Amino acid sequence: MFLVETASDAAVSTYEHFDIFMVIFTILIAVGLLRLLMQRPRKNVLAIGFSTVALLVFLVADYKMVSGWVW
């Protein structure tokens, strides 16, 4: 009986409505990073580094989130 309940729980998707906001925030961070990199006269190195780290964290979180939907 326990094995049947465990197998049925494994097939359930982990999608939540907050996941859409995570993807939108990731896109906004990527756009902000591109705008920072395209500045001509002076580049803000601290902002570029911070947004790069934030983008990497959000990309990893999005990957884990989407892999929870599929598998």
PDB file of N, CA and C in Angstrom:
ATOM      1  N   MET A   1       0.830  -1.189   0.000  1.00  0.00           N
ATOM      2  CA  MET A   1       0.000   0.000   0.000  1.00  0.00           C
ATOM      3  C   MET A   1       0.876   1.255   0.000  1.00  0.00           C
ATOM      4  N   PHE A   2       1.935   1.229   0.786  1.00  0.00           N
ATOM      5  CA  PHE A   2       2.820   2.393   0.867  1.00  0.00           C
ATOM      6  C   PHE A   2       3.529   2.643  -0.462  1.00  0.00           C
ATOM      7  N   LEU A   3       3.908   1.584  -1.169  1.00  0.00           N
ATOM      8  CA  LEU A   3       4.592   1.739  -2.444  1.00  0.00           C
ATOM      9  C   LEU A   3       3.673   2.348  -3.501  1.00  0.00           C
ATOM     10  N   VAL A   4       2.397   2.006  -3.462  1.00  0.00           N
ATOM     11  CA  VAL A   4       1.454   2.566  -4.421  1.00  0.00           C
ATOM     12  C   VAL A   4       1.276   4.059  -4.181  1.00  0.00           C
ATOM     13  N   GLU A   5       1.205   4.477  -2.921  1.00  0.00           N
ATOM     14  CA  GLU A   5       1.053   5.898  -2.601  1.00  0.00           C
ATOM     15  C   GLU A   5       2.303   6.676  -3.010  1.00  0.00           C
ATOM     16  N   THR A   6       3.467   6.090  -2.812  1.00  0.00           N
ATOM     17  CA  THR A   6       4.713   6.757  -3.186  1.00  0.00           C
ATOM     18  C   THR A   6       4.816   6.904  -4.699  1.00  0.00           C
ATOM     19  N   ALA A   7       4.409   5.901  -5.442  1.00  0.00           N
ATOM     20  CA  ALA A   7       4.470   5.956  -6.896  1.00  0.00           C
ATOM     21  C   ALA A   7       3.492   6.986  -7.449  1.00  0.00           C
ATOM     22  N   SER A   8       2.326   7.107  -6.855  1.00  0.00           N
ATOM     23  CA  SER A   8       1.363   8.088  -7.348  1.00  0.00           C
ATOM     24  C   SER A   8       1.795   9.509  -7.004  1.00  0.00           C
ATOM     25  N   ASP A   9       2.491   9.704  -5.891  1.00  0.00           N
ATOM     26  CA  ASP A   9       2.974  11.029  -5.531  1.00  0.00           C
ATOM     27  C   ASP A   9       4.128  11.475  -6.427  1.00  0.00           C
ATOM     28  N   ALA A  10       4.880  10.554  -6.970  1.00  0.00           N
ATOM     29  CA  ALA A  10       6.029  10.890  -7.805  1.00  0.00           C
ATOM     30  C   ALA A  10       5.591  11.461  -9.156  1.00  0.00           C
ATOM     31  N   ALA A  11       4.405  11.139  -9.613  1.00  0.00           N
ATOM     32  CA  ALA A  11       3.940  11.595 -10.916  1.00  0.00           C
ATOM     33  C   ALA A  11       3.299  12.978 -10.857  1.00  0.00           C
ATOM     34  N   VAL A  12       3.145  13.556  -9.683  1.00  0.00           N
ATOM     35  CA  VAL A  12       2.480  14.840  -9.534  1.00  0.00           C
ATOM     36  C   VAL A  12       3.455  15.961  -9.888  1.00  0.00           C
ATOM     37  N   SER A  13       2.999  16.919 -10.684  1.00  0.00           N
ATOM     38  CA  SER A  13       3.831  18.056 -11.060  1.00  0.00           C
ATOM     39  C   SER A  13       3.963  19.023  -9.886  1.00  0.00           C
ATOM     40  N   THR A  14       5.093  19.711  -9.825  1.00  0.00           N
ATOM     41  CA  THR A  14       5.329  20.654  -8.740  1.00  0.00           C
ATOM     42  C   THR A  14       5.115  22.095  -9.195  1.00  0.00           C
ATOM     43  N   TYR A  15       4.371  22.306 -10.270  1.00  0.00           N
ATOM     44  CA  TYR A  15       4.142  23.646 -10.801  1.00  0.00           C
ATOM     45  C   TYR A  15       3.334  24.481  -9.810  1.00  0.00           C
ATOM     46  N   GLU A  16       3.777  25.740  -9.614  1.00  0.00           N
ATOM     47  CA  GLU A  16       3.040  26.708  -8.816  1.00  0.00           C
ATOM     48  C   GLU A  16       2.991  28.019  -9.587  1.00  0.00           C
ATOM     49  N   HIS A  17       2.092  28.891  -9.232  1.00  0.00           N
ATOM     50  CA  HIS A  17       1.951  30.157  -9.955  1.00  0.00           C
ATOM     51  C   HIS A  17       3.135  31.087  -9.722  1.00  0.00           C
ATOM     52  N   PHE A  18       3.859  30.937  -8.633  1.00  0.00           N
ATOM     53  CA  PHE A  18       5.032  31.750  -8.356  1.00  0.00           C
ATOM     54  C   PHE A  18       6.153  31.471  -9.351  1.00  0.00           C
ATOM     55  N   ASP A  19       6.131  30.309  -9.988  1.00  0.00           N
ATOM     56  CA  ASP A  19       7.168  29.941 -10.953  1.00  0.00           C
ATOM     57  C   ASP A  19       7.223  30.922 -12.126  1.00  0.00           C
ATOM     58  N   ILE A  20       6.075  31.454 -12.518  1.00  0.00           N
ATOM     59  CA  ILE A  20       6.040  32.424 -13.606  1.00  0.00           C
ATOM     60  C   ILE A  20       6.821  33.671 -13.211  1.00  0.00           C
ATOM     61  N   PHE A  21       6.673  34.118 -11.959  1.00  0.00           N
ATOM     62  CA  PHE A  21       7.401  35.293 -11.492  1.00  0.00           C
ATOM     63  C   PHE A  21       8.911  35.036 -11.469  1.00  0.00           C
ATOM     64  N   MET A  22       9.314  33.840 -11.143  1.00  0.00           N
ATOM     65  CA  MET A  22      10.743  33.509 -11.154  1.00  0.00           C
ATOM     66  C   MET A  22      11.317  33.655 -12.567  1.00  0.00           C
ATOM     67  N   VAL A  23      10.603  33.190 -13.563  1.00  0.00           N
ATOM     68  CA  VAL A  23      11.067  33.293 -14.942  1.00  0.00           C
ATOM     69  C   VAL A  23      11.105  34.762 -15.374  1.00  0.00           C
ATOM     70  N   ILE A  24      10.087  35.535 -14.999  1.00  0.00           N
ATOM     71  CA  ILE A  24      10.049  36.957 -15.348  1.00  0.00           C
ATOM     72  C   ILE A  24      11.205  37.698 -14.696  1.00  0.00           C
ATOM     73  N   PHE A  25      11.494  37.414 -13.416  1.00  0.00           N
ATOM     74  CA  PHE A  25      12.617  38.060 -12.737  1.00  0.00           C
ATOM     75  C   PHE A  25      13.948  37.693 -13.392  1.00  0.00           C
ATOM     76  N   THR A  26      14.074  36.460 -13.842  1.00  0.00           N
ATOM     77  CA  THR A  26      15.297  36.040 -14.528  1.00  0.00           C
ATOM     78  C   THR A  26      15.484  36.821 -15.824  1.00  0.00           C
ATOM     79  N   ILE A  27      14.404  37.006 -16.567  1.00  0.00           N
ATOM     80  CA  ILE A  27      14.484  37.770 -17.812  1.00  0.00           C
ATOM     81  C   ILE A  27      14.837  39.224 -17.516  1.00  0.00           C
ATOM     82  N   LEU A  28      14.246  39.810 -16.479  1.00  0.00           N
ATOM     83  CA  LEU A  28      14.556  41.197 -16.117  1.00  0.00           C
ATOM     84  C   LEU A  28      16.019  41.364 -15.708  1.00  0.00           C
ATOM     85  N   ILE A  29      16.554  40.415 -14.966  1.00  0.00           N
ATOM     86  CA  ILE A  29      17.961  40.493 -14.569  1.00  0.00           C
ATOM     87  C   ILE A  29      18.859  40.377 -15.793  1.00  0.00           C
ATOM     88  N   ALA A  30      18.513  39.491 -16.722  1.00  0.00           N
ATOM     89  CA  ALA A  30      19.315  39.341 -17.946  1.00  0.00           C
ATOM     90  C   ALA A  30      19.285  40.619 -18.783  1.00  0.00           C
ATOM     91  N   VAL A  31      18.131  41.252 -18.900  1.00  0.00           N
ATOM     92  CA  VAL A  31      18.030  42.505 -19.656  1.00  0.00           C
ATOM     93  C   VAL A  31      18.849  43.592 -18.966  1.00  0.00           C
ATOM     94  N   GLY A  32      18.769  43.659 -17.648  1.00  0.00           N
ATOM     95  CA  GLY A  32      19.552  44.648 -16.910  1.00  0.00           C
ATOM     96  C   GLY A  32      21.046  44.435 -17.076  1.00  0.00           C
ATOM     97  N   LEU A  33      21.482  43.190 -17.064  1.00  0.00           N
ATOM     98  CA  LEU A  33      22.901  42.891 -17.258  1.00  0.00           C
ATOM     99  C   LEU A  33      23.353  43.295 -18.663  1.00  0.00           C
ATOM    100  N   LEU A  34      22.540  43.013 -19.657  1.00  0.00           N
ATOM    101  CA  LEU A  34      22.890  43.419 -21.023  1.00  0.00           C
ATOM    102  C   LEU A  34      22.984  44.934 -21.145  1.00  0.00           C
ATOM    103  N   ARG A  35      22.086  45.646 -20.497  1.00  0.00           N
ATOM    104  CA  ARG A  35      22.142  47.110 -20.550  1.00  0.00           C
ATOM    105  C   ARG A  35      23.383  47.627 -19.839  1.00  0.00           C
ATOM    106  N   LEU A  36      23.764  46.981 -18.737  1.00  0.00           N
ATOM    107  CA  LEU A  36      24.986  47.398 -18.048  1.00  0.00           C
ATOM    108  C   LEU A  36      26.225  47.150 -18.905  1.00  0.00           C
ATOM    109  N   LEU A  37      26.228  46.043 -19.629  1.00  0.00           N
ATOM    110  CA  LEU A  37      27.383  45.716 -20.465  1.00  0.00           C
ATOM    111  C   LEU A  37      27.482  46.609 -21.699  1.00  0.00           C
ATOM    112  N   MET A  38      26.370  47.205 -22.120  1.00  0.00           N
ATOM    113  CA  MET A  38      26.378  48.049 -23.308  1.00  0.00           C
ATOM    114  C   MET A  38      26.691  49.514 -23.003  1.00  0.00           C
ATOM    115  N   GLN A  39      26.902  49.882 -21.777  1.00  0.00           N
ATOM    116  CA  GLN A  39      27.246  51.263 -21.447  1.00  0.00           C
ATOM    117  C   GLN A  39      28.592  51.614 -22.055  1.00  0.00           C
ATOM    118  N   ARG A  40      28.687  52.780 -22.641  1.00  0.00           N
ATOM    119  CA  ARG A  40      29.904  53.160 -23.350  1.00  0.00           C
ATOM    120  C   ARG A  40      30.949  53.832 -22.454  1.00  0.00           C
ATOM    121  N   PRO A  41      30.692  55.005 -21.893  1.00  0.00           N
ATOM    122  CA  PRO A  41      31.810  55.730 -21.277  1.00  0.00           C
ATOM    123  C   PRO A  41      32.381  55.059 -20.028  1.00  0.00           C
ATOM    124  N   ARG A  42      31.546  54.746 -19.068  1.00  0.00           N
ATOM    125  CA  ARG A  42      32.031  54.121 -17.828  1.00  0.00           C
ATOM    126  C   ARG A  42      31.133  52.947 -17.479  1.00  0.00           C
ATOM    127  N   LYS A  43      31.746  51.840 -17.149  1.00  0.00           N
ATOM    128  CA  LYS A  43      30.979  50.663 -16.759  1.00  0.00           C
ATOM    129  C   LYS A  43      31.058  50.505 -15.249  1.00  0.00           C
ATOM    130  N   ASN A  44      29.919  50.216 -14.637  1.00  0.00           N
ATOM    131  CA  ASN A  44      29.853  49.997 -13.208  1.00  0.00           C
ATOM    132  C   ASN A  44      30.195  48.522 -12.937  1.00  0.00           C
ATOM    133  N   VAL A  45      31.417  48.271 -12.539  1.00  0.00           N
ATOM    134  CA  VAL A  45      31.908  46.899 -12.371  1.00  0.00           C
ATOM    135  C   VAL A  45      31.183  46.192 -11.234  1.00  0.00           C
ATOM    136  N   LEU A  46      30.885  46.908 -10.157  1.00  0.00           N
ATOM    137  CA  LEU A  46      30.177  46.298  -9.038  1.00  0.00           C
ATOM    138  C   LEU A  46      28.782  45.843  -9.451  1.00  0.00           C
ATOM    139  N   ALA A  47      28.072  46.671 -10.197  1.00  0.00           N
ATOM    140  CA  ALA A  47      26.732  46.313 -10.652  1.00  0.00           C
ATOM    141  C   ALA A  47      26.774  45.140 -11.628  1.00  0.00           C
ATOM    142  N   ILE A  48      27.781  45.115 -12.485  1.00  0.00           N
ATOM    143  CA  ILE A  48      27.909  44.011 -13.435  1.00  0.00           C
ATOM    144  C   ILE A  48      28.180  42.700 -12.691  1.00  0.00           C
ATOM    145  N   GLY A  49      29.064  42.741 -11.713  1.00  0.00           N
ATOM    146  CA  GLY A  49      29.355  41.537 -10.933  1.00  0.00           C
ATOM    147  C   GLY A  49      28.158  41.056 -10.134  1.00  0.00           C
ATOM    148  N   PHE A  50      27.461  41.985  -9.501  1.00  0.00           N
ATOM    149  CA  PHE A  50      26.297  41.616  -8.698  1.00  0.00           C
ATOM    150  C   PHE A  50      25.196  41.029  -9.570  1.00  0.00           C
ATOM    151  N   SER A  51      24.925  41.649 -10.718  1.00  0.00           N
ATOM    152  CA  SER A  51      23.866  41.141 -11.583  1.00  0.00           C
ATOM    153  C   SER A  51      24.258  39.816 -12.236  1.00  0.00           C
ATOM    154  N   THR A  52      25.552  39.605 -12.470  1.00  0.00           N
ATOM    155  CA  THR A  52      25.995  38.317 -13.008  1.00  0.00           C
ATOM    156  C   THR A  52      25.759  37.199 -12.000  1.00  0.00           C
ATOM    157  N   VAL A  53      26.108  37.454 -10.742  1.00  0.00           N
ATOM    158  CA  VAL A  53      25.882  36.448  -9.702  1.00  0.00           C
ATOM    159  C   VAL A  53      24.385  36.195  -9.519  1.00  0.00           C
ATOM    160  N   ALA A  54      23.593  37.270  -9.510  1.00  0.00           N
ATOM    161  CA  ALA A  54      22.144  37.119  -9.362  1.00  0.00           C
ATOM    162  C   ALA A  54      21.556  36.327 -10.527  1.00  0.00           C
ATOM    163  N   LEU A  55      22.034  36.598 -11.742  1.00  0.00           N
ATOM    164  CA  LEU A  55      21.534  35.868 -12.907  1.00  0.00           C
ATOM    165  C   LEU A  55      21.897  34.395 -12.825  1.00  0.00           C
ATOM    166  N   LEU A  56      23.107  34.087 -12.398  1.00  0.00           N
ATOM    167  CA  LEU A  56      23.500  32.676 -12.255  1.00  0.00           C
ATOM    168  C   LEU A  56      22.642  31.961 -11.217  1.00  0.00           C
ATOM    169  N   VAL A  57      22.374  32.622 -10.102  1.00  0.00           N
ATOM    170  CA  VAL A  57      21.538  32.019  -9.054  1.00  0.00           C
ATOM    171  C   VAL A  57      20.121  31.772  -9.577  1.00  0.00           C
ATOM    172  N   PHE A  58      19.570  32.761 -10.285  1.00  0.00           N
ATOM    173  CA  PHE A  58      18.219  32.596 -10.803  1.00  0.00           C
ATOM    174  C   PHE A  58      18.159  31.552 -11.907  1.00  0.00           C
ATOM    175  N   LEU A  59      19.198  31.446 -12.729  1.00  0.00           N
ATOM    176  CA  LEU A  59      19.212  30.415 -13.769  1.00  0.00           C
ATOM    177  C   LEU A  59      19.251  29.011 -13.167  1.00  0.00           C
ATOM    178  N   VAL A  60      20.032  28.838 -12.104  1.00  0.00           N
ATOM    179  CA  VAL A  60      20.076  27.543 -11.422  1.00  0.00           C
ATOM    180  C   VAL A  60      18.726  27.235 -10.782  1.00  0.00           C
ATOM    181  N   ALA A  61      18.123  28.250 -10.161  1.00  0.00           N
ATOM    182  CA  ALA A  61      16.808  28.044  -9.543  1.00  0.00           C
ATOM    183  C   ALA A  61      15.754  27.710 -10.595  1.00  0.00           C
ATOM    184  N   ASP A  62      15.807  28.381 -11.747  1.00  0.00           N
ATOM    185  CA  ASP A  62      14.864  28.081 -12.824  1.00  0.00           C
ATOM    186  C   ASP A  62      15.067  26.675 -13.362  1.00  0.00           C
ATOM    187  N   TYR A  63      16.322  26.248 -13.486  1.00  0.00           N
ATOM    188  CA  TYR A  63      16.588  24.894 -13.955  1.00  0.00           C
ATOM    189  C   TYR A  63      15.999  23.854 -12.995  1.00  0.00           C
ATOM    190  N   LYS A  64      16.236  24.055 -11.701  1.00  0.00           N
ATOM    191  CA  LYS A  64      15.689  23.113 -10.716  1.00  0.00           C
ATOM    192  C   LYS A  64      14.159  23.141 -10.718  1.00  0.00           C
ATOM    193  N   MET A  65      13.593  24.329 -10.920  1.00  0.00           N
ATOM    194  CA  MET A  65      12.148  24.478 -10.931  1.00  0.00           C
ATOM    195  C   MET A  65      11.538  23.757 -12.134  1.00  0.00           C
ATOM    196  N   VAL A  66      12.102  23.966 -13.309  1.00  0.00           N
ATOM    197  CA  VAL A  66      11.559  23.346 -14.517  1.00  0.00           C
ATOM    198  C   VAL A  66      11.799  21.841 -14.500  1.00  0.00           C
ATOM    199  N   SER A  67      12.907  21.393 -13.959  1.00  0.00           N
ATOM    200  CA  SER A  67      13.140  19.946 -13.881  1.00  0.00           C
ATOM    201  C   SER A  67      12.135  19.297 -12.922  1.00  0.00           C
ATOM    202  N   GLY A  68      11.631  20.035 -11.970  1.00  0.00           N
ATOM    203  CA  GLY A  68      10.584  19.516 -11.093  1.00  0.00           C
ATOM    204  C   GLY A  68       9.246  19.388 -11.803  1.00  0.00           C
ATOM    205  N   TRP A  69       9.016  20.215 -12.823  1.00  0.00           N
ATOM    206  CA  TRP A  69       7.786  20.104 -13.588  1.00  0.00           C
ATOM    207  C   TRP A  69       7.777  18.849 -14.437  1.00  0.00           C
ATOM    208  N   VAL A  70       8.935  18.554 -15.036  1.00  0.00           N
ATOM    209  CA  VAL A  70       8.998  17.510 -16.049  1.00  0.00           C
ATOM    210  C   VAL A  70       9.200  16.130 -15.427  1.00  0.00           C
ATOM    211  N   TRP A  71      10.155  16.030 -14.517  1.00  0.00           N
ATOM    212  CA  TRP A  71      10.484  14.714 -13.980  1.00  0.00           C
ATOM    213  C   TRP A  71       9.877  14.524 -12.653  1.00  0.00           C
TER     214      TRP A  71
END
